[in-house]
Structure formats: structure tokens, C-alpha cells
Amino acid sequence: MMLTATLPNSTPSPAWAPALALLAVLMAAPFFVSNYIVYLLSLTCVFALVGMGLNLLVGLSGQISLGHAGFFAIGAYATGLLTQKAGVPFLLSLLLGACIATFIGAVAALPALRLKNLYLAIATLGLGTVIQKSLFEWQSMTGGGAGLELAPATIGPFSLKAASALYFTILAITALGFCCARNLIHGRTGRAMRMLRDSEIAAGTIGINVAATKVLAFAISAFYAAIAGGLYAYLLRYINPEGFNTGLSISFLSMIVIGGLGAVPGPFLGAAFYVALPELFRGIKDAPGLVFGATLILVMVFLPQGLWSVVAKVRSRSWRA
């Protein structure tokens, strides 16, 4: 599932095979499964996008955030309002909403220049709460507690009302986000973030701009969350401030921990687990929450590198064989 560079003769290396196979399965899925399964796959991709950005921030640069539901909400409401009330095209609204969240994310990074660990987590938690309450109180624009209902998105003359049409759009954006995240992680910026995570003093000693790297990590992470939020808004076609609470931020963080902090495919595994779990225990009261919490404890104790570490070991042994 992890992608590597192609050889000069354009022959795919073995590491491409799992990713290409997964992409092929996901592209074919709408032709063989129900619309509800397509919805679940779309939701998984949306949460995976959030996880990619949060993984860059937490897993790569070591900055903890408990306020990503706020950036997710900004993307959702900005995209919905720009499209619904201002008549801005859907994709442009998605990008503008992400830019707004990116700016706020960069500003939110300023406390990170002085705060660490638990103190930074509390600060970002407060930011997420402020964003949620602001959306709730701004009733004339957001609808407040009544929420905001959205018409189906369109791209030019094409409507995304059909579940499969919106799914392919979400899948394409998720694939693009994956490629960008992978390139960043394995590039110079990713190396600077890893050095920042390991030791800020050592990072500064070798010439890395610690402040700029922290701000960049927060900004990129907010961008990913906002893009996902915009897609989420049109996947549900109804948004309410109550849905963007602290519990959602904690869920986002749990996803990347379960999937594997710092691993490129980790957010996919974590998002898939988070979406699939309620379906497995549907009808059993409180079972999904209990199982998810128990799984998180077990992963932290026995698989500190997440579910991806198991996949990586199995893959490595199969290649050696």
C-alpha cells in the first residue's frame, strides 16, 4: 500500500501493487455493492483525509491537537455557505474553505511555539470549542442549532446527487491527498518534521526553522481537515454544529493511533476501522463505543505502532518468501 518511485522504464515496482489493487477495487465497488456501502466507503475516504493531515501534525511533527473537529467544521460550513448562498462552484468553494481553515490553522500554531504536550492539547481543545460555539451562535448565517441543509453538489453541468458520482469525486480527491502526503513525508519537509518531533533543540542546531515548521504542520493539517469537511457536508447534505464536537476530535486522533502514527497508510486503516465497527455491532446498545475504546487500549499496549505495523510485517515476510 505504500507507494514508491517508478523505475526509469515505467515498470511499477512491487510496492505499487497493493495500492493499485486497492484503488482498482475501490473504483469498481459502486458497480457491485449497494448505495449504502458506497456511502460507507465515501465516509471512510473523508475520515482518511482528516487522518492524513492529522498524521502529519501528530505522527510526523509531534504536535498534539484536540481541535481538528473545528477545522473540519470550517471546511464543511465554508463550502456549504459559499456554494449554497454565494453561488460559488463546488470545487472552488471546497478550495476556498480549505484556505480559510489553513489561515486559522496557521494562527492556531502560534501557541504551539510556546506550548507542548498536554498544554498544547488543551489549547487546541479550546480552539475547537470556540469554533463550534461560534457556528452555533451565528444563526443568521449557519442556521445555528437548526443546522444547514444543502442541495446536491454539481461540477459544471454534472450533478453529484447520485451516490456513485459523489463517491468517485471523493475517491479522486483522497487519492490526490494521499500522493501529496506521501511525497511530503518522504521529502525534505517531512524529514524536518521528523527531526522536530524527535528533538526541537537538535532541529534548530542543524538549521531547521522550528517555528516555521510548526506553523506549516498546523496549516497543512488544517487544510486536509477542511477539504474533508467540505466533502463531508455534501455527503450528508445536512450539517449541524453539534456534530463537530470534542468527541469527534478525539475520534480523529484515535483513528491515526489505531492505524499507525507516522505511517502513510495508517489513516486509511484507522478510518476503515472506525466506520466499519458500528456496522458490525449495529443494534447492540453502546457496543461500538465499548469495542472501539477497548481496541484503542489494546493497540496502545500491544501494537504501539498501530495496525499498519502488522500489515507491514506480513508483507515483508511474504516478499522474503
C-alpha atoms as a PDB file:
ATOM      1  CA  MET A   1       0.000   0.000   0.000  1.00  0.00           C
ATOM      2  CA  MET A   2       2.940   2.359   0.415  1.00  0.00           C
ATOM      3  CA  LEU A   3       3.906   3.923  -2.894  1.00  0.00           C
ATOM      4  CA  THR A   4       7.455   4.204  -4.190  1.00  0.00           C
ATOM      5  CA  ALA A   5       9.001   5.872  -7.191  1.00  0.00           C
ATOM      6  CA  THR A   6       8.670   4.109 -10.545  1.00  0.00           C
ATOM      7  CA  LEU A   7      11.678   2.751 -12.378  1.00  0.00           C
ATOM      8  CA  PRO A   8      13.025   4.572 -15.434  1.00  0.00           C
ATOM      9  CA  ASN A   9      11.332   2.087 -17.764  1.00  0.00           C
ATOM     10  CA  SER A  10       7.965   2.939 -16.131  1.00  0.00           C
ATOM     11  CA  THR A  11       7.552  -0.624 -14.863  1.00  0.00           C
ATOM     12  CA  PRO A  12       5.750  -0.481 -11.496  1.00  0.00           C
ATOM     13  CA  SER A  13       7.825  -1.632  -8.543  1.00  0.00           C
ATOM     14  CA  PRO A  14       6.335  -4.309  -6.237  1.00  0.00           C
ATOM     15  CA  ALA A  15       5.437  -1.659  -3.639  1.00  0.00           C
ATOM     16  CA  TRP A  16       2.935  -0.131  -6.086  1.00  0.00           C
ATOM     17  CA  ALA A  17       0.942  -3.345  -6.408  1.00  0.00           C
ATOM     18  CA  PRO A  18      -1.110  -3.180  -3.156  1.00  0.00           C
ATOM     19  CA  ALA A  19      -2.019   0.486  -3.688  1.00  0.00           C
ATOM     20  CA  LEU A  20      -3.023  -0.066  -7.304  1.00  0.00           C
ATOM     21  CA  ALA A  21      -5.011  -3.166  -6.397  1.00  0.00           C
ATOM     22  CA  LEU A  22      -6.844  -1.308  -3.622  1.00  0.00           C
ATOM     23  CA  LEU A  23      -7.583   1.614  -5.935  1.00  0.00           C
ATOM     24  CA  ALA A  24      -8.947  -0.764  -8.573  1.00  0.00           C
ATOM     25  CA  VAL A  25     -11.228  -2.419  -6.013  1.00  0.00           C
ATOM     26  CA  LEU A  26     -12.488   0.931  -4.750  1.00  0.00           C
ATOM     27  CA  MET A  27     -13.176   2.168  -8.273  1.00  0.00           C
ATOM     28  CA  ALA A  28     -15.120  -0.984  -9.128  1.00  0.00           C
ATOM     29  CA  ALA A  29     -17.047  -1.115  -5.838  1.00  0.00           C
ATOM     30  CA  PRO A  30     -20.037   1.093  -6.854  1.00  0.00           C
ATOM     31  CA  PHE A  31     -20.881  -1.334  -9.674  1.00  0.00           C
ATOM     32  CA  PHE A  32     -21.217  -4.304  -7.310  1.00  0.00           C
ATOM     33  CA  VAL A  33     -22.413  -3.010  -3.926  1.00  0.00           C
ATOM     34  CA  SER A  34     -25.417  -1.109  -2.609  1.00  0.00           C
ATOM     35  CA  ASN A  35     -25.618   2.669  -2.276  1.00  0.00           C
ATOM     36  CA  TYR A  36     -25.300   2.314   1.487  1.00  0.00           C
ATOM     37  CA  ILE A  37     -21.939   0.546   1.147  1.00  0.00           C
ATOM     38  CA  VAL A  38     -20.876   3.269  -1.289  1.00  0.00           C
ATOM     39  CA  TYR A  39     -21.816   5.813   1.381  1.00  0.00           C
ATOM     40  CA  LEU A  40     -19.687   3.979   3.966  1.00  0.00           C
ATOM     41  CA  LEU A  41     -16.742   3.888   1.559  1.00  0.00           C
ATOM     42  CA  SER A  42     -17.160   7.621   0.927  1.00  0.00           C
ATOM     43  CA  LEU A  43     -17.238   8.275   4.671  1.00  0.00           C
ATOM     44  CA  THR A  44     -14.080   6.207   5.123  1.00  0.00           C
ATOM     45  CA  CYS A  45     -12.269   8.272   2.483  1.00  0.00           C
ATOM     46  CA  VAL A  46     -13.418  11.518   4.130  1.00  0.00           C
ATOM     47  CA  PHE A  47     -12.145  10.437   7.549  1.00  0.00           C
ATOM     48  CA  ALA A  48      -8.935   9.140   5.965  1.00  0.00           C
ATOM     49  CA  LEU A  49      -8.318  12.621   4.548  1.00  0.00           C
ATOM     50  CA  VAL A  50      -8.625  14.133   8.018  1.00  0.00           C
ATOM     51  CA  GLY A  51      -6.319  11.421   9.303  1.00  0.00           C
ATOM     52  CA  MET A  52      -3.679  12.199   6.666  1.00  0.00           C
ATOM     53  CA  GLY A  53      -3.441  15.802   7.816  1.00  0.00           C
ATOM     54  CA  LEU A  54      -3.561  14.930  11.496  1.00  0.00           C
ATOM     55  CA  ASN A  55      -0.922  12.259  10.939  1.00  0.00           C
ATOM     56  CA  LEU A  56       1.419  14.896   9.526  1.00  0.00           C
ATOM     57  CA  LEU A  57       0.847  17.043  12.589  1.00  0.00           C
ATOM     58  CA  VAL A  58       0.860  14.430  15.352  1.00  0.00           C
ATOM     59  CA  GLY A  59       2.639  11.409  13.926  1.00  0.00           C
ATOM     60  CA  LEU A  60       5.299  13.257  11.968  1.00  0.00           C
ATOM     61  CA  SER A  61       5.936  16.567  13.745  1.00  0.00           C
ATOM     62  CA  GLY A  62       4.875  15.515  17.254  1.00  0.00           C
ATOM     63  CA  GLN A  63       2.331  18.321  17.846  1.00  0.00           C
ATOM     64  CA  ILE A  64      -0.859  17.188  19.600  1.00  0.00           C
ATOM     65  CA  SER A  65      -4.228  18.580  18.509  1.00  0.00           C
ATOM     66  CA  LEU A  66      -7.659  18.001  20.039  1.00  0.00           C
ATOM     67  CA  GLY A  67      -9.356  20.682  17.961  1.00  0.00           C
ATOM     68  CA  HIS A  68      -9.463  19.230  14.468  1.00  0.00           C
ATOM     69  CA  ALA A  69     -13.229  18.956  14.539  1.00  0.00           C
ATOM     70  CA  GLY A  70     -13.130  22.752  14.382  1.00  0.00           C
ATOM     71  CA  PHE A  71     -11.147  22.801  11.127  1.00  0.00           C
ATOM     72  CA  PHE A  72     -13.415  20.037   9.830  1.00  0.00           C
ATOM     73  CA  ALA A  73     -16.424  22.243  10.660  1.00  0.00           C
ATOM     74  CA  ILE A  74     -14.894  25.294   8.981  1.00  0.00           C
ATOM     75  CA  GLY A  75     -14.443  23.345   5.773  1.00  0.00           C
ATOM     76  CA  ALA A  76     -17.984  21.984   5.946  1.00  0.00           C
ATOM     77  CA  TYR A  77     -19.691  25.302   6.599  1.00  0.00           C
ATOM     78  CA  ALA A  78     -17.484  27.415   4.342  1.00  0.00           C
ATOM     79  CA  THR A  79     -18.001  25.041   1.411  1.00  0.00           C
ATOM     80  CA  GLY A  80     -21.724  24.780   2.033  1.00  0.00           C
ATOM     81  CA  LEU A  81     -22.324  28.501   2.501  1.00  0.00           C
ATOM     82  CA  LEU A  82     -20.172  29.583  -0.440  1.00  0.00           C
ATOM     83  CA  THR A  83     -21.901  27.114  -2.736  1.00  0.00           C
ATOM     84  CA  GLN A  84     -25.431  27.490  -1.381  1.00  0.00           C
ATOM     85  CA  LYS A  85     -25.657  31.217  -0.669  1.00  0.00           C
ATOM     86  CA  ALA A  86     -22.929  32.806  -2.789  1.00  0.00           C
ATOM     87  CA  GLY A  87     -23.278  30.592  -5.849  1.00  0.00           C
ATOM     88  CA  VAL A  88     -19.569  29.723  -5.951  1.00  0.00           C
ATOM     89  CA  PRO A  89     -18.777  26.473  -7.843  1.00  0.00           C
ATOM     90  CA  PHE A  90     -18.437  23.445  -5.592  1.00  0.00           C
ATOM     91  CA  LEU A  91     -14.751  22.688  -6.178  1.00  0.00           C
ATOM     92  CA  LEU A  92     -13.785  26.343  -5.803  1.00  0.00           C
ATOM     93  CA  SER A  93     -15.822  26.561  -2.578  1.00  0.00           C
ATOM     94  CA  LEU A  94     -14.007  23.471  -1.341  1.00  0.00           C
ATOM     95  CA  LEU A  95     -10.641  25.121  -2.004  1.00  0.00           C
ATOM     96  CA  LEU A  96     -11.636  28.489  -0.524  1.00  0.00           C
ATOM     97  CA  GLY A  97     -12.976  26.831   2.615  1.00  0.00           C
ATOM     98  CA  ALA A  98      -9.703  24.943   2.960  1.00  0.00           C
ATOM     99  CA  CYS A  99      -7.737  28.180   2.562  1.00  0.00           C
ATOM    100  CA  ILE A 100      -9.771  29.795   5.358  1.00  0.00           C
ATOM    101  CA  ALA A 101      -9.075  26.846   7.630  1.00  0.00           C
ATOM    102  CA  THR A 102      -5.395  26.896   6.652  1.00  0.00           C
ATOM    103  CA  PHE A 103      -5.099  30.510   7.758  1.00  0.00           C
ATOM    104  CA  ILE A 104      -6.824  29.771  11.056  1.00  0.00           C
ATOM    105  CA  GLY A 105      -4.633  26.699  11.463  1.00  0.00           C
ATOM    106  CA  ALA A 106      -1.512  28.801  10.986  1.00  0.00           C
ATOM    107  CA  VAL A 107      -2.757  31.259  13.613  1.00  0.00           C
ATOM    108  CA  ALA A 108      -3.602  28.362  15.923  1.00  0.00           C
ATOM    109  CA  ALA A 109       0.006  27.233  15.606  1.00  0.00           C
ATOM    110  CA  LEU A 110       1.242  30.310  17.442  1.00  0.00           C
ATOM    111  CA  PRO A 111       0.514  28.818  20.874  1.00  0.00           C
ATOM    112  CA  ALA A 112       2.447  25.736  19.727  1.00  0.00           C
ATOM    113  CA  LEU A 113       5.574  27.882  19.633  1.00  0.00           C
ATOM    114  CA  ARG A 114       5.395  28.152  23.428  1.00  0.00           C
ATOM    115  CA  LEU A 115       3.279  25.178  24.495  1.00  0.00           C
ATOM    116  CA  LYS A 116       3.947  21.447  24.378  1.00  0.00           C
ATOM    117  CA  ASN A 117       2.253  18.138  25.101  1.00  0.00           C
ATOM    118  CA  LEU A 118      -0.764  18.424  27.423  1.00  0.00           C
ATOM    119  CA  TYR A 119      -0.760  22.226  27.398  1.00  0.00           C
ATOM    120  CA  LEU A 120      -0.886  22.320  23.607  1.00  0.00           C
ATOM    121  CA  ALA A 121      -3.653  19.706  23.583  1.00  0.00           C
ATOM    122  CA  ILE A 122      -5.748  21.835  25.953  1.00  0.00           C
ATOM    123  CA  ALA A 123      -5.144  24.952  23.842  1.00  0.00           C
ATOM    124  CA  THR A 124      -6.279  23.232  20.637  1.00  0.00           C
ATOM    125  CA  LEU A 125      -9.240  21.757  22.509  1.00  0.00           C
ATOM    126  CA  GLY A 126     -10.283  25.287  23.420  1.00  0.00           C
ATOM    127  CA  LEU A 127      -9.944  26.404  19.798  1.00  0.00           C
ATOM    128  CA  GLY A 128     -12.196  23.615  18.595  1.00  0.00           C
ATOM    129  CA  THR A 129     -14.808  24.517  21.199  1.00  0.00           C
ATOM    130  CA  VAL A 130     -14.699  28.202  20.226  1.00  0.00           C
ATOM    131  CA  ILE A 131     -15.231  27.339  16.560  1.00  0.00           C
ATOM    132  CA  GLN A 132     -18.157  25.051  17.345  1.00  0.00           C
ATOM    133  CA  LYS A 133     -19.858  27.589  19.617  1.00  0.00           C
ATOM    134  CA  SER A 134     -19.295  30.383  17.088  1.00  0.00           C
ATOM    135  CA  LEU A 135     -21.041  28.369  14.396  1.00  0.00           C
ATOM    136  CA  PHE A 136     -23.887  27.660  16.788  1.00  0.00           C
ATOM    137  CA  GLU A 137     -24.371  31.316  17.754  1.00  0.00           C
ATOM    138  CA  TRP A 138     -24.070  32.731  14.216  1.00  0.00           C
ATOM    139  CA  GLN A 139     -27.624  31.676  13.445  1.00  0.00           C
ATOM    140  CA  SER A 140     -28.267  34.182  10.663  1.00  0.00           C
ATOM    141  CA  MET A 141     -25.525  32.592   8.576  1.00  0.00           C
ATOM    142  CA  THR A 142     -25.178  28.994   9.728  1.00  0.00           C
ATOM    143  CA  GLY A 143     -28.705  28.257  10.910  1.00  0.00           C
ATOM    144  CA  GLY A 144     -27.478  27.647  14.448  1.00  0.00           C
ATOM    145  CA  GLY A 145     -28.925  24.615  16.157  1.00  0.00           C
ATOM    146  CA  ALA A 146     -31.374  24.076  13.288  1.00  0.00           C
ATOM    147  CA  GLY A 147     -28.457  23.184  11.048  1.00  0.00           C
ATOM    148  CA  LEU A 148     -27.908  23.810   7.369  1.00  0.00           C
ATOM    149  CA  GLU A 149     -29.463  21.722   4.626  1.00  0.00           C
ATOM    150  CA  LEU A 150     -27.579  21.540   1.335  1.00  0.00           C
ATOM    151  CA  ALA A 151     -28.651  20.869  -2.226  1.00  0.00           C
ATOM    152  CA  PRO A 152     -26.669  18.266  -4.196  1.00  0.00           C
ATOM    153  CA  ALA A 153     -23.271  19.488  -5.376  1.00  0.00           C
ATOM    154  CA  THR A 154     -22.502  19.980  -9.044  1.00  0.00           C
ATOM    155  CA  ILE A 155     -19.295  20.127 -11.071  1.00  0.00           C
ATOM    156  CA  GLY A 156     -20.062  22.132 -14.191  1.00  0.00           C
ATOM    157  CA  PRO A 157     -23.105  20.542 -15.843  1.00  0.00           C
ATOM    158  CA  PHE A 158     -22.694  17.295 -13.882  1.00  0.00           C
ATOM    159  CA  SER A 159     -24.721  16.676 -10.730  1.00  0.00           C
ATOM    160  CA  LEU A 160     -23.227  14.758  -7.807  1.00  0.00           C
ATOM    161  CA  LYS A 161     -26.633  13.785  -6.465  1.00  0.00           C
ATOM    162  CA  ALA A 162     -26.042  10.111  -7.242  1.00  0.00           C
ATOM    163  CA  ALA A 163     -24.084   8.299  -4.532  1.00  0.00           C
ATOM    164  CA  SER A 164     -21.599   6.906  -7.046  1.00  0.00           C
ATOM    165  CA  ALA A 165     -20.895  10.298  -8.632  1.00  0.00           C
ATOM    166  CA  LEU A 166     -20.017  11.904  -5.304  1.00  0.00           C
ATOM    167  CA  TYR A 167     -18.071   8.792  -4.301  1.00  0.00           C
ATOM    168  CA  PHE A 168     -15.783   8.965  -7.335  1.00  0.00           C
ATOM    169  CA  THR A 169     -15.181  12.665  -6.626  1.00  0.00           C
ATOM    170  CA  ILE A 170     -14.272  11.918  -3.007  1.00  0.00           C
ATOM    171  CA  LEU A 171     -12.094   8.981  -4.057  1.00  0.00           C
ATOM    172  CA  ALA A 172     -10.184  11.112  -6.583  1.00  0.00           C
ATOM    173  CA  ILE A 173      -9.535  13.855  -4.020  1.00  0.00           C
ATOM    174  CA  THR A 174      -8.497  11.278  -1.410  1.00  0.00           C
ATOM    175  CA  ALA A 175      -6.052   9.648  -3.835  1.00  0.00           C
ATOM    176  CA  LEU A 176      -4.570  13.064  -4.638  1.00  0.00           C
ATOM    177  CA  GLY A 177      -4.295  13.854  -0.930  1.00  0.00           C
ATOM    178  CA  PHE A 178      -2.567  10.521  -0.324  1.00  0.00           C
ATOM    179  CA  CYS A 179       0.032  11.180  -3.034  1.00  0.00           C
ATOM    180  CA  CYS A 180       0.721  14.682  -1.714  1.00  0.00           C
ATOM    181  CA  ALA A 181       1.024  13.448   1.885  1.00  0.00           C
ATOM    182  CA  ARG A 182       3.379  10.650   0.851  1.00  0.00           C
ATOM    183  CA  ASN A 183       5.611  12.994  -1.131  1.00  0.00           C
ATOM    184  CA  LEU A 184       5.711  15.440   1.775  1.00  0.00           C
ATOM    185  CA  ILE A 185       6.536  12.718   4.308  1.00  0.00           C
ATOM    186  CA  HIS A 186       9.413  11.355   2.223  1.00  0.00           C
ATOM    187  CA  GLY A 187      10.651  14.782   1.169  1.00  0.00           C
ATOM    188  CA  ARG A 188      12.735  17.467   2.818  1.00  0.00           C
ATOM    189  CA  THR A 189       9.771  18.927   4.728  1.00  0.00           C
ATOM    190  CA  GLY A 190       8.907  15.516   6.144  1.00  0.00           C
ATOM    191  CA  ARG A 191      12.471  14.999   7.334  1.00  0.00           C
ATOM    192  CA  ALA A 192      12.383  18.394   9.043  1.00  0.00           C
ATOM    193  CA  MET A 193       9.111  17.488  10.767  1.00  0.00           C
ATOM    194  CA  ARG A 194      10.531  14.176  11.996  1.00  0.00           C
ATOM    195  CA  MET A 195      13.573  15.939  13.377  1.00  0.00           C
ATOM    196  CA  LEU A 196      11.260  18.417  15.094  1.00  0.00           C
ATOM    197  CA  ARG A 197       9.335  15.547  16.660  1.00  0.00           C
ATOM    198  CA  ASP A 198      12.494  13.852  17.921  1.00  0.00           C
ATOM    199  CA  SER A 199      14.213  16.957  19.283  1.00  0.00           C
ATOM    200  CA  GLU A 200      13.459  20.631  18.769  1.00  0.00           C
ATOM    201  CA  ILE A 201      16.895  21.581  20.044  1.00  0.00           C
ATOM    202  CA  ALA A 202      18.647  19.259  17.592  1.00  0.00           C
ATOM    203  CA  ALA A 203      16.416  20.512  14.773  1.00  0.00           C
ATOM    204  CA  GLY A 204      17.328  24.106  15.477  1.00  0.00           C
ATOM    205  CA  THR A 205      21.005  23.210  15.755  1.00  0.00           C
ATOM    206  CA  ILE A 206      21.149  21.804  12.205  1.00  0.00           C
ATOM    207  CA  GLY A 207      19.411  24.850  10.739  1.00  0.00           C
ATOM    208  CA  ILE A 208      15.737  23.857  10.705  1.00  0.00           C
ATOM    209  CA  ASN A 209      13.382  26.771  11.342  1.00  0.00           C
ATOM    210  CA  VAL A 210      11.429  25.263  14.226  1.00  0.00           C
ATOM    211  CA  ALA A 211       8.729  27.961  14.345  1.00  0.00           C
ATOM    212  CA  ALA A 212       8.077  27.873  10.605  1.00  0.00           C
ATOM    213  CA  THR A 213       7.938  24.074  10.573  1.00  0.00           C
ATOM    214  CA  LYS A 214       5.371  24.014  13.381  1.00  0.00           C
ATOM    215  CA  VAL A 215       3.200  26.598  11.635  1.00  0.00           C
ATOM    216  CA  LEU A 216       3.468  24.690   8.357  1.00  0.00           C
ATOM    217  CA  ALA A 217       2.442  21.420  10.038  1.00  0.00           C
ATOM    218  CA  PHE A 218      -0.644  23.014  11.577  1.00  0.00           C
ATOM    219  CA  ALA A 219      -1.575  24.781   8.334  1.00  0.00           C
ATOM    220  CA  ILE A 220      -1.288  21.662   6.159  1.00  0.00           C
ATOM    221  CA  SER A 221      -3.175  19.600   8.703  1.00  0.00           C
ATOM    222  CA  ALA A 222      -5.996  22.169   8.823  1.00  0.00           C
ATOM    223  CA  PHE A 223      -6.116  22.216   5.003  1.00  0.00           C
ATOM    224  CA  TYR A 224      -6.659  18.452   4.854  1.00  0.00           C
ATOM    225  CA  ALA A 225      -9.324  18.586   7.589  1.00  0.00           C
ATOM    226  CA  ALA A 226     -11.209  21.390   5.826  1.00  0.00           C
ATOM    227  CA  ILE A 227     -11.197  19.610   2.454  1.00  0.00           C
ATOM    228  CA  ALA A 228     -12.596  16.555   4.199  1.00  0.00           C
ATOM    229  CA  GLY A 229     -15.170  18.724   5.975  1.00  0.00           C
ATOM    230  CA  GLY A 230     -16.421  20.164   2.696  1.00  0.00           C
ATOM    231  CA  LEU A 231     -16.815  16.697   1.219  1.00  0.00           C
ATOM    232  CA  TYR A 232     -18.499  15.502   4.400  1.00  0.00           C
ATOM    233  CA  ALA A 233     -21.052  18.312   4.214  1.00  0.00           C
ATOM    234  CA  TYR A 234     -22.175  17.251   0.748  1.00  0.00           C
ATOM    235  CA  LEU A 235     -22.023  13.580   1.593  1.00  0.00           C
ATOM    236  CA  LEU A 236     -24.576  14.112   4.374  1.00  0.00           C
ATOM    237  CA  ARG A 237     -26.195  17.199   2.767  1.00  0.00           C
ATOM    238  CA  TYR A 238     -27.029  18.407   6.261  1.00  0.00           C
ATOM    239  CA  ILE A 239     -24.664  19.824   8.879  1.00  0.00           C
ATOM    240  CA  ASN A 240     -25.221  20.919  12.449  1.00  0.00           C
ATOM    241  CA  PRO A 241     -22.710  22.489  14.876  1.00  0.00           C
ATOM    242  CA  GLU A 242     -23.466  19.789  17.431  1.00  0.00           C
ATOM    243  CA  GLY A 243     -21.880  17.216  15.120  1.00  0.00           C
ATOM    244  CA  PHE A 244     -18.468  18.923  15.301  1.00  0.00           C
ATOM    245  CA  ASN A 245     -17.809  18.435  18.987  1.00  0.00           C
ATOM    246  CA  THR A 246     -14.801  17.471  21.072  1.00  0.00           C
ATOM    247  CA  GLY A 247     -15.734  13.807  20.788  1.00  0.00           C
ATOM    248  CA  LEU A 248     -15.177  13.995  17.042  1.00  0.00           C
ATOM    249  CA  SER A 249     -11.695  15.485  17.546  1.00  0.00           C
ATOM    250  CA  ILE A 250     -10.843  12.644  19.916  1.00  0.00           C
ATOM    251  CA  SER A 251     -12.162  10.147  17.354  1.00  0.00           C
ATOM    252  CA  PHE A 252      -9.899  11.639  14.681  1.00  0.00           C
ATOM    253  CA  LEU A 253      -6.896  11.285  16.974  1.00  0.00           C
ATOM    254  CA  SER A 254      -7.898   7.723  17.858  1.00  0.00           C
ATOM    255  CA  MET A 255      -8.100   6.795  14.168  1.00  0.00           C
ATOM    256  CA  ILE A 256      -4.493   7.655  13.445  1.00  0.00           C
ATOM    257  CA  VAL A 257      -3.286   5.985  16.646  1.00  0.00           C
ATOM    258  CA  ILE A 258      -5.098   2.762  15.761  1.00  0.00           C
ATOM    259  CA  GLY A 259      -3.988   2.950  12.131  1.00  0.00           C
ATOM    260  CA  GLY A 260      -0.380   3.753  12.935  1.00  0.00           C
ATOM    261  CA  LEU A 261       1.187   7.103  13.798  1.00  0.00           C
ATOM    262  CA  GLY A 262       3.564   8.344  11.133  1.00  0.00           C
ATOM    263  CA  ALA A 263       2.657   5.599   8.637  1.00  0.00           C
ATOM    264  CA  VAL A 264       1.294   6.835   5.292  1.00  0.00           C
ATOM    265  CA  PRO A 265      -1.443   4.160   5.036  1.00  0.00           C
ATOM    266  CA  GLY A 266      -2.273   4.399   8.754  1.00  0.00           C
ATOM    267  CA  PRO A 267      -5.170   6.871   8.350  1.00  0.00           C
ATOM    268  CA  PHE A 268      -6.900   4.514   5.894  1.00  0.00           C
ATOM    269  CA  LEU A 269      -6.765   1.604   8.323  1.00  0.00           C
ATOM    270  CA  GLY A 270      -7.915   3.742  11.234  1.00  0.00           C
ATOM    271  CA  ALA A 271     -10.766   5.334   9.264  1.00  0.00           C
ATOM    272  CA  ALA A 272     -11.927   1.985   7.894  1.00  0.00           C
ATOM    273  CA  PHE A 273     -11.922   0.510  11.390  1.00  0.00           C
ATOM    274  CA  TYR A 274     -13.839   3.489  12.798  1.00  0.00           C
ATOM    275  CA  VAL A 275     -16.511   3.363  10.079  1.00  0.00           C
ATOM    276  CA  ALA A 276     -16.882  -0.424   9.950  1.00  0.00           C
ATOM    277  CA  LEU A 277     -17.109  -1.007  13.708  1.00  0.00           C
ATOM    278  CA  PRO A 278     -20.623   0.449  14.227  1.00  0.00           C
ATOM    279  CA  GLU A 279     -21.882  -1.639  11.305  1.00  0.00           C
ATOM    280  CA  LEU A 280     -20.591  -4.848  12.880  1.00  0.00           C
ATOM    281  CA  PHE A 281     -22.362  -4.117  16.168  1.00  0.00           C
ATOM    282  CA  ARG A 282     -25.425  -2.359  14.862  1.00  0.00           C
ATOM    283  CA  GLY A 283     -28.429  -2.902  17.122  1.00  0.00           C
ATOM    284  CA  ILE A 284     -26.365  -3.588  20.231  1.00  0.00           C
ATOM    285  CA  LYS A 285     -26.572  -0.574  22.503  1.00  0.00           C
ATOM    286  CA  ASP A 286     -23.229   1.064  23.353  1.00  0.00           C
ATOM    287  CA  ALA A 287     -21.291  -1.869  21.851  1.00  0.00           C
ATOM    288  CA  PRO A 288     -19.434   0.161  19.164  1.00  0.00           C
ATOM    289  CA  GLY A 289     -18.127   2.650  21.720  1.00  0.00           C
ATOM    290  CA  LEU A 290     -17.053  -0.056  24.134  1.00  0.00           C
ATOM    291  CA  VAL A 291     -15.291  -2.093  21.460  1.00  0.00           C
ATOM    292  CA  PHE A 292     -13.586   0.972  19.987  1.00  0.00           C
ATOM    293  CA  GLY A 293     -12.327   2.032  23.420  1.00  0.00           C
ATOM    294  CA  ALA A 294     -11.123  -1.467  24.240  1.00  0.00           C
ATOM    295  CA  THR A 295      -9.387  -1.709  20.860  1.00  0.00           C
ATOM    296  CA  LEU A 296      -7.626   1.586  21.441  1.00  0.00           C
ATOM    297  CA  ILE A 297      -6.294   0.316  24.780  1.00  0.00           C
ATOM    298  CA  LEU A 298      -5.127  -2.977  23.255  1.00  0.00           C
ATOM    299  CA  VAL A 299      -3.409  -1.202  20.362  1.00  0.00           C
ATOM    300  CA  MET A 300      -1.579   1.164  22.699  1.00  0.00           C
ATOM    301  CA  VAL A 301      -0.391  -1.763  24.853  1.00  0.00           C
ATOM    302  CA  PHE A 302       0.395  -4.465  22.280  1.00  0.00           C
ATOM    303  CA  LEU A 303       0.702  -2.557  18.964  1.00  0.00           C
ATOM    304  CA  PRO A 304       2.130   0.875  19.774  1.00  0.00           C
ATOM    305  CA  GLN A 305       2.845   1.370  16.056  1.00  0.00           C
ATOM    306  CA  GLY A 306      -0.772   0.640  15.137  1.00  0.00           C
ATOM    307  CA  LEU A 307      -2.479  -1.823  12.816  1.00  0.00           C
ATOM    308  CA  TRP A 308      -0.171  -0.898   9.953  1.00  0.00           C
ATOM    309  CA  SER A 309       2.766  -2.478  11.779  1.00  0.00           C
ATOM    310  CA  VAL A 310       1.020  -5.859  11.486  1.00  0.00           C
ATOM    311  CA  VAL A 311       0.344  -5.366   7.772  1.00  0.00           C
ATOM    312  CA  ALA A 312       3.941  -4.265   7.194  1.00  0.00           C
ATOM    313  CA  LYS A 313       5.334  -7.360   8.937  1.00  0.00           C
ATOM    314  CA  VAL A 314       3.103  -9.726   6.968  1.00  0.00           C
ATOM    315  CA  ARG A 315       4.008  -8.003   3.706  1.00  0.00           C
ATOM    316  CA  SER A 316       7.707  -8.104   4.494  1.00  0.00           C
ATOM    317  CA  ARG A 317       7.614 -11.835   5.253  1.00  0.00           C
ATOM    318  CA  SER A 318       5.632 -12.594   2.085  1.00  0.00           C
ATOM    319  CA  TRP A 319       8.187 -10.737  -0.053  1.00  0.00           C
ATOM    320  CA  ARG A 320      11.076 -12.593   1.605  1.00  0.00           C
ATOM    321  CA  ALA A 321       9.334 -15.892   0.920  1.00  0.00           C
END
